[in-house]
Protein backbone atom coordinates (compact mmCIF):
# COMPACT_ATOMS: atom_id res chain seq x y z
CA MET A 1 -17.17 14.37 10.52
CA THR A 2 -18.38 12.84 7.30
CA VAL A 3 -16.26 11.06 4.70
CA LEU A 4 -16.69 14.07 2.42
CA GLN A 5 -15.53 16.49 5.12
CA ARG A 6 -12.44 14.42 5.86
CA PHE A 7 -11.62 14.17 2.17
CA GLU A 8 -12.09 17.91 1.62
CA SER A 9 -9.93 18.72 4.66
CA ALA A 10 -7.11 16.61 3.26
CA LEU A 11 -7.35 18.22 -0.19
CA ALA A 12 -7.54 21.80 1.07
CA PRO A 13 -3.78 22.25 1.75
CA ARG A 14 -3.14 21.24 -1.88
CA GLY A 15 -5.66 23.79 -3.10
CA GLY A 16 -7.99 21.09 -4.36
CA THR A 17 -11.63 20.14 -4.12
CA PRO A 18 -13.33 16.83 -5.04
CA ASP A 19 -14.05 16.47 -8.76
CA ALA A 20 -17.16 14.85 -10.21
CA SER A 21 -15.73 11.34 -10.20
CA GLN A 22 -14.55 11.62 -6.62
CA ARG A 23 -17.89 13.06 -5.50
CA ALA A 24 -19.73 10.11 -7.02
CA ALA A 25 -17.45 7.76 -5.10
CA LEU A 26 -17.89 9.79 -1.92
CA ASP A 27 -21.68 9.49 -2.18
CA ARG A 28 -21.36 5.70 -2.26
CA LEU A 29 -18.84 5.73 0.58
CA GLU A 30 -21.10 7.84 2.78
CA ARG A 31 -23.77 5.17 2.28
CA PHE A 32 -21.21 2.47 3.00
CA VAL A 33 -20.38 4.09 6.35
CA ARG A 34 -24.09 4.37 7.24
CA GLU A 35 -24.65 0.71 6.37
CA CYS A 36 -21.61 -0.32 8.39
CA ALA A 37 -22.75 1.73 11.38
CA ALA A 38 -26.23 0.18 11.25
CA TYR A 39 -24.81 -3.32 10.96
CA GLU A 40 -22.38 -2.71 13.83
CA ALA A 41 -25.22 -1.47 16.04
CA GLN A 42 -27.43 -4.45 15.16
CA ARG A 43 -24.83 -7.12 15.76
CA ASN A 44 -23.89 -5.61 19.13
CA SER A 45 -27.43 -5.07 20.35
CA PHE A 46 -29.05 -7.09 23.12
CA ALA A 47 -31.66 -8.40 20.68
CA SER A 48 -28.94 -9.93 18.49
CA ARG A 49 -28.55 -12.68 21.10
CA PHE A 50 -31.99 -14.02 20.25
CA VAL A 51 -32.43 -13.34 16.54
CA ARG A 52 -30.41 -14.16 13.49
CA LYS A 53 -27.85 -11.49 12.71
CA PRO A 54 -28.44 -9.49 9.51
CA PRO A 55 -26.11 -10.04 6.57
CA PRO A 56 -23.09 -7.71 6.47
CA PRO A 57 -23.16 -4.78 4.05
CA ARG A 58 -21.62 -5.01 0.61
CA GLY A 59 -18.01 -3.97 0.42
CA VAL A 60 -16.31 -1.65 -2.05
CA TYR A 61 -13.68 -2.07 -4.78
CA CYS A 62 -12.39 1.41 -5.68
CA TRP A 63 -10.12 1.61 -8.72
CA GLY A 64 -8.66 4.23 -11.03
CA GLY A 65 -5.46 5.74 -12.37
CA VAL A 66 -2.42 6.98 -10.52
CA GLY A 67 -2.92 10.00 -8.26
CA ARG A 68 -6.71 9.88 -8.21
CA GLY A 69 -6.99 9.97 -4.42
CA LYS A 70 -8.03 6.34 -3.90
CA SER A 71 -5.90 5.89 -0.78
CA LEU A 72 -7.23 9.17 0.58
CA LEU A 73 -10.80 8.01 -0.05
CA MET A 74 -9.95 4.83 1.86
CA ASP A 75 -8.39 6.72 4.77
CA SER A 76 -11.35 9.08 4.98
CA THR A 77 -13.77 6.16 5.04
CA PHE A 78 -11.73 4.09 7.47
CA ALA A 79 -11.74 6.94 10.00
CA GLU A 80 -15.55 7.05 9.94
CA ILE A 81 -16.21 3.32 10.50
CA PRO A 82 -17.60 3.16 14.07
CA ALA A 83 -15.92 -0.10 15.07
CA ARG A 84 -12.79 -1.25 16.81
CA ASP A 85 -12.28 -4.48 14.88
CA LYS A 86 -11.12 -2.75 11.71
CA VAL A 87 -7.76 -2.90 10.01
CA ARG A 88 -6.09 -1.05 7.14
CA LEU A 89 -3.28 -2.87 5.35
CA HIS A 90 -1.25 -2.61 2.21
CA PHE A 91 -2.26 -5.61 0.12
CA HIS A 92 1.26 -7.05 0.22
CA GLU A 93 1.15 -7.06 4.02
CA PHE A 94 -2.16 -8.89 3.92
CA ILE A 95 -1.06 -11.56 1.44
CA ARG A 96 2.27 -12.02 3.25
CA ASP A 97 0.46 -12.64 6.52
CA ALA A 98 -1.90 -15.05 4.76
CA HIS A 99 1.02 -17.12 3.45
CA ARG A 100 2.55 -17.20 6.92
CA ALA A 101 -0.75 -18.27 8.47
CA MET A 102 -1.02 -21.10 5.96
CA GLN A 103 2.40 -22.36 7.01
CA THR A 104 1.36 -22.29 10.66
CA LEU A 105 -1.88 -24.15 9.83
CA ARG A 106 -0.28 -26.66 7.51
CA GLY A 107 -1.77 -29.60 9.41
CA ALA A 108 -5.35 -28.29 9.16
CA ALA A 109 -7.85 -29.91 6.79
CA ASP A 110 -8.26 -26.64 4.87
CA PRO A 111 -5.47 -24.18 5.81
CA LEU A 112 -6.77 -21.41 3.55
CA ALA A 113 -10.26 -21.52 5.01
CA GLU A 114 -8.86 -21.57 8.53
CA ALA A 115 -6.52 -18.66 7.74
CA GLY A 116 -9.45 -16.64 6.41
CA ARG A 117 -11.52 -17.37 9.50
CA ASP A 118 -8.63 -16.34 11.76
CA ILE A 119 -8.27 -13.04 9.90
CA ALA A 120 -12.02 -12.35 10.06
CA ARG A 121 -12.10 -13.14 13.79
CA SER A 122 -9.53 -10.40 14.42
CA ALA A 123 -11.09 -7.80 12.09
CA THR A 124 -14.56 -7.58 10.57
CA TRP A 125 -13.75 -4.49 8.52
CA ILE A 126 -10.73 -5.10 6.29
CA PHE A 127 -9.31 -2.25 4.18
CA LEU A 128 -6.75 -3.37 1.57
CA ASP A 129 -4.84 -0.65 -0.28
CA GLU A 130 -3.04 -1.13 -3.62
CA PHE A 131 -4.60 -4.49 -4.48
CA ARG A 132 -2.71 -6.18 -7.30
CA ILE A 133 -1.56 -9.67 -8.22
CA SER A 134 1.91 -10.19 -9.65
CA ASP A 135 2.78 -13.65 -8.36
CA ILE A 136 1.33 -17.04 -9.30
CA ALA A 137 1.54 -18.16 -5.66
CA ASP A 138 -0.78 -15.29 -4.68
CA ALA A 139 -3.11 -15.95 -7.60
CA MET A 140 -3.51 -19.59 -6.58
CA ILE A 141 -4.68 -18.86 -3.02
CA LEU A 142 -6.72 -15.71 -3.59
CA HIS A 143 -10.14 -17.24 -4.34
CA ARG A 144 -10.23 -19.60 -1.35
CA LEU A 145 -8.89 -16.89 0.94
CA LEU A 146 -11.46 -14.30 -0.16
CA ALA A 147 -14.28 -16.84 -0.03
CA SER A 148 -13.41 -17.78 3.55
CA LEU A 149 -13.32 -14.09 4.55
CA PHE A 150 -16.75 -13.43 3.06
CA ASP A 151 -18.17 -16.62 4.58
CA ALA A 152 -16.90 -15.49 7.99
CA GLY A 153 -18.73 -12.16 7.65
CA ALA A 154 -15.80 -9.87 6.82
CA VAL A 155 -16.50 -6.61 4.97
CA LEU A 156 -13.83 -5.53 2.47
CA PHE A 157 -12.82 -2.14 1.08
CA ILE A 158 -10.22 -2.50 -1.67
CA THR A 159 -8.32 0.06 -3.74
CA SER A 160 -6.49 -0.80 -6.94
CA ASN A 161 -5.10 0.75 -10.10
CA MET A 162 -6.87 -1.96 -12.10
CA ALA A 163 -10.47 -3.02 -12.61
CA PRO A 164 -11.16 -6.48 -11.19
CA ASP A 165 -11.27 -8.16 -14.60
CA ALA A 166 -7.91 -6.56 -15.53
CA LEU A 167 -6.00 -8.04 -12.57
CA TYR A 168 -2.94 -10.21 -13.24
CA PRO A 169 -2.84 -9.43 -16.97
CA ASP A 170 -0.86 -11.96 -19.01
CA GLY A 171 0.14 -13.70 -15.78
CA LEU A 172 1.20 -17.33 -15.66
CA HIS A 173 -1.91 -19.55 -15.40
CA ARG A 174 -4.18 -16.51 -15.27
CA ASP A 175 -7.18 -18.86 -15.27
CA ARG A 176 -6.36 -19.54 -11.60
CA ILE A 177 -7.43 -16.02 -10.64
CA LEU A 178 -10.68 -15.87 -12.63
CA PRO A 179 -12.82 -17.35 -9.79
CA ALA A 180 -11.41 -14.68 -7.43
CA ILE A 181 -12.26 -11.95 -9.94
CA ALA A 182 -15.82 -13.25 -10.23
CA LEU A 183 -16.11 -13.28 -6.44
CA LEU A 184 -14.90 -9.68 -6.14
CA GLN A 185 -17.41 -8.54 -8.74
CA ASP A 186 -20.21 -10.44 -7.03
CA ARG A 187 -19.55 -9.34 -3.44
CA LEU A 188 -18.21 -5.79 -3.85
CA ASP A 189 -19.52 -2.62 -5.49
CA VAL A 190 -16.97 -1.56 -8.10
CA LEU A 191 -16.30 2.21 -8.15
CA LEU A 192 -14.27 3.87 -10.88
CA VAL A 193 -12.42 7.02 -9.78
CA ASP A 194 -10.78 8.46 -12.87
CA GLY A 195 -10.26 11.66 -14.84
CA GLY A 196 -9.91 15.01 -13.12
CA VAL A 197 -6.76 16.42 -11.54
CA ASP A 198 -3.78 14.41 -10.32
CA TYR A 199 -3.19 16.20 -7.02
CA ARG A 200 0.22 14.60 -6.69
CA SER A 201 1.47 16.13 -9.92
CA ARG A 202 -0.19 19.43 -9.10
CA ALA A 203 2.04 19.83 -6.05
CA LEU A 204 5.32 19.32 -7.90
CA GLY A 205 6.31 22.98 -7.89
CA ARG A 206 8.30 22.45 -4.71
CA PHE A 207 11.63 20.68 -4.50
CA GLY A 208 12.37 17.61 -2.41
CA THR A 209 15.42 15.68 -1.23
CA TRP A 210 16.91 14.30 -4.43
CA PHE A 211 20.65 14.69 -5.05
CA VAL A 212 22.15 14.26 -8.54
CA ALA A 213 25.81 13.41 -9.16
CA ASP A 214 26.57 13.85 -5.47
CA ALA A 215 30.39 13.67 -5.51
CA GLU A 216 31.53 11.17 -2.89
CA ASP A 217 28.07 11.35 -1.29
CA ALA A 218 29.00 14.60 0.45
CA ARG A 219 25.42 15.92 0.46
CA MET A 220 24.03 12.55 1.50
CA ALA A 221 26.45 12.48 4.44
CA SER A 222 25.31 15.95 5.46
CA ALA A 223 21.68 14.89 5.18
CA PHE A 224 22.33 11.79 7.29
CA SER A 225 24.06 13.85 9.96
CA ALA A 226 21.20 16.34 10.03
CA LEU A 227 18.53 13.62 10.23
CA ALA A 228 20.22 11.30 12.71
CA ASP A 229 19.43 11.80 16.36
CA GLY A 230 21.95 10.58 18.90
CA GLY A 231 25.07 8.57 18.21
CA PRO A 232 25.56 6.06 15.38
CA GLY A 233 24.17 2.56 15.74
CA ASP A 234 25.42 -0.83 14.61
CA PRO A 235 25.47 -0.73 10.77
CA VAL A 236 24.80 -4.48 10.57
CA LEU A 237 21.04 -4.92 10.65
CA GLN A 238 18.99 -8.04 11.17
CA ILE A 239 16.28 -7.95 8.49
CA GLU A 240 13.89 -10.90 8.42
CA GLY A 241 16.57 -12.98 10.14
CA ARG A 242 19.35 -12.03 7.70
CA GLU A 243 22.22 -9.59 8.03
CA VAL A 244 22.14 -6.42 5.93
CA ARG A 245 24.96 -3.87 6.17
CA ALA A 246 24.01 -0.18 6.11
CA ARG A 247 26.23 2.77 5.22
CA GLY A 248 25.03 4.44 8.38
CA ARG A 249 22.47 3.91 11.08
CA ALA A 250 21.06 6.02 13.87
CA ASP A 251 17.82 6.15 15.82
CA GLY A 252 15.07 5.88 13.19
CA VAL A 253 17.42 6.56 10.25
CA ALA A 254 19.25 4.12 7.94
CA TRP A 255 21.49 4.83 4.96
CA PHE A 256 22.01 2.13 2.33
CA ASP A 257 23.73 1.65 -1.00
CA PHE A 258 21.50 0.72 -3.93
CA ALA A 259 23.71 -2.32 -4.59
CA THR A 260 23.16 -3.61 -1.06
CA LEU A 261 19.46 -2.93 -0.67
CA ILE A 262 18.16 -3.45 -4.21
CA CYS A 263 20.63 -5.54 -6.22
CA SER A 264 20.87 -8.35 -3.68
CA PRO A 265 17.98 -10.83 -3.44
CA ARG A 266 15.33 -9.35 -1.15
CA SER A 267 11.70 -10.09 -0.42
CA TYR A 268 8.84 -7.65 0.07
CA ALA A 269 8.92 -8.61 3.74
CA ASP A 270 12.49 -7.27 4.01
CA TYR A 271 11.33 -3.79 3.06
CA LEU A 272 8.34 -4.00 5.39
CA ASP A 273 10.77 -4.81 8.19
CA ILE A 274 12.97 -1.82 7.29
CA ALA A 275 9.99 0.56 7.18
CA ALA A 276 8.83 -0.73 10.56
CA HIS A 277 12.17 0.16 12.17
CA PHE A 278 13.20 3.37 10.36
CA HIS A 279 11.18 6.50 9.71
CA THR A 280 13.84 7.71 7.23
CA VAL A 281 15.74 5.75 4.57
CA LEU A 282 18.63 7.18 2.55
CA LEU A 283 19.62 5.39 -0.66
CA SER A 284 22.86 6.14 -2.51
CA GLY A 285 24.09 5.12 -5.94
CA VAL A 286 20.71 4.86 -7.68
CA PRO A 287 21.33 4.30 -11.41
CA ARG A 288 19.01 4.78 -14.35
CA LEU A 289 16.44 2.05 -13.90
CA ALA A 290 16.69 1.07 -17.56
CA GLU A 291 20.16 -0.25 -16.69
CA CYS A 292 18.73 -2.49 -13.96
CA THR A 293 17.29 -5.98 -14.17
CA PRO A 294 13.51 -6.48 -13.92
CA SER A 295 13.98 -7.94 -10.42
CA GLU A 296 15.93 -4.88 -9.29
CA ILE A 297 13.26 -2.54 -10.69
CA LYS A 298 10.58 -4.54 -8.89
CA ARG A 299 12.46 -4.38 -5.58
CA PHE A 300 12.93 -0.62 -5.97
CA THR A 301 9.18 -0.17 -6.55
CA TRP A 302 8.47 -2.27 -3.46
CA LEU A 303 10.68 -0.03 -1.34
CA VAL A 304 9.04 3.14 -2.64
CA ASP A 305 5.52 1.76 -2.20
CA ILE A 306 6.14 0.73 1.39
CA LEU A 307 7.83 3.97 2.43
CA TYR A 308 5.05 5.96 0.78
CA ASP A 309 2.32 3.92 2.48
CA ARG A 310 4.03 4.24 5.88
CA HIS A 311 4.63 7.99 5.40
CA GLY A 312 8.38 7.40 5.61
CA LYS A 313 11.04 9.86 4.48
CA PHE A 314 13.15 8.96 1.44
CA VAL A 315 16.41 10.72 0.56
CA VAL A 316 18.06 9.71 -2.71
CA SER A 317 21.41 10.20 -4.40
CA ALA A 318 20.97 9.26 -8.06
CA GLU A 319 22.80 9.31 -11.35
CA VAL A 320 20.06 11.39 -12.96
CA PRO A 321 17.24 13.76 -11.93
CA MET A 322 14.09 12.08 -10.67
CA GLU A 323 12.13 12.71 -13.87
CA GLN A 324 14.76 10.84 -15.89
CA LEU A 325 15.08 7.88 -13.54
CA GLY A 326 12.50 5.69 -15.28
CA GLU A 327 13.21 6.61 -18.89
CA GLY A 328 13.04 3.44 -20.94
CA VAL A 329 11.01 1.60 -18.29
CA SER A 330 7.46 0.81 -19.38
CA GLY A 331 4.37 -0.40 -17.57
CA ALA A 332 1.73 0.91 -15.15
CA GLU A 333 3.66 -0.51 -12.21
CA TYR A 334 6.49 2.01 -12.53
CA GLN A 335 4.13 4.88 -13.39
CA ARG A 336 2.53 4.49 -9.97
CA THR A 337 5.97 4.39 -8.35
CA ALA A 338 7.09 7.52 -10.24
CA SER A 339 4.01 9.37 -9.04
CA ARG A 340 4.65 8.31 -5.47
CA LEU A 341 8.31 9.33 -5.66
CA ARG A 342 7.27 12.79 -6.80
CA GLU A 343 4.75 13.20 -4.00
CA MET A 344 7.18 11.97 -1.37
CA GLN A 345 9.67 14.65 -2.43
CA VAL A 346 6.96 17.30 -2.40
CA ARG A 347 5.69 16.14 0.97
CA GLU A 348 9.08 16.52 2.62
CA ALA A 349 9.71 19.90 0.98
CA ALA A 350 6.35 21.11 2.30
CA HIS A 351 7.31 20.04 5.81
């Protein structure tokens, strides 16, 4: 199949076809796949033992608004790359692993460079979805990490809601990220995918698993019983080495209170760990987000992003309907989360 054919096949159940902006991106991605295939063949050929290897192809930075199909473009392209040493990661997974590698390599002369080389040795083709910088610690390491990846011959495909020069807006010491932005613009082709139809919103005619004013969590309990296979498990979970108590637990299913999972201090890695162990997460007691602290809102968006990216199921008992959840909360960060919440509900209803 081609990238276009894969993309069209994925859109067809939603009744959609690629718009002009997506088609322009698909043309570039078809060329990207051809260039990657040629490079892969050259570097694995017998002649490559005796001649200098050709430079790797230019990577891609694909950005645009919420619901524009960027992740689908990435998935369609990833499937067509004819190589085994390829990896697709959410950006937070990638940066988390980079920080961990730096700790392991603390005694090295240049831990960041060594971490980048280690990553490139395991995967030449690196696909990073939802690229964004929200932490000064990430901003400070990004340039050296990217430079070491490029120097080691890695080829990057990145998706983001922001153009490279709009990353980390108003962030603390934003000057620290400017060299990384310049490197991205120099080494990657920047593709804008915007306008057209938001296929997530288009599918909202169907109803998902969202319970409002669920008295004593009766409907959530019924949902948990219906979803859980086998007998109940130990409700005390070990998440990133710390104990977290669930309302209920069964094979592949966990039920939490909002206060436990969101209001307590948690890291992004905690939610990655949960998504790795449970295909379905139930969350009770979700208030209006305007009543929450910024940290709680951020942790909620992390949970949604990870479950969405891992194709997990999400069942919610909330104070208000889903469309009212984020009233009073501003910023592009939550707009992306709201769009993903809607699609997750639609996705489960369709199933």
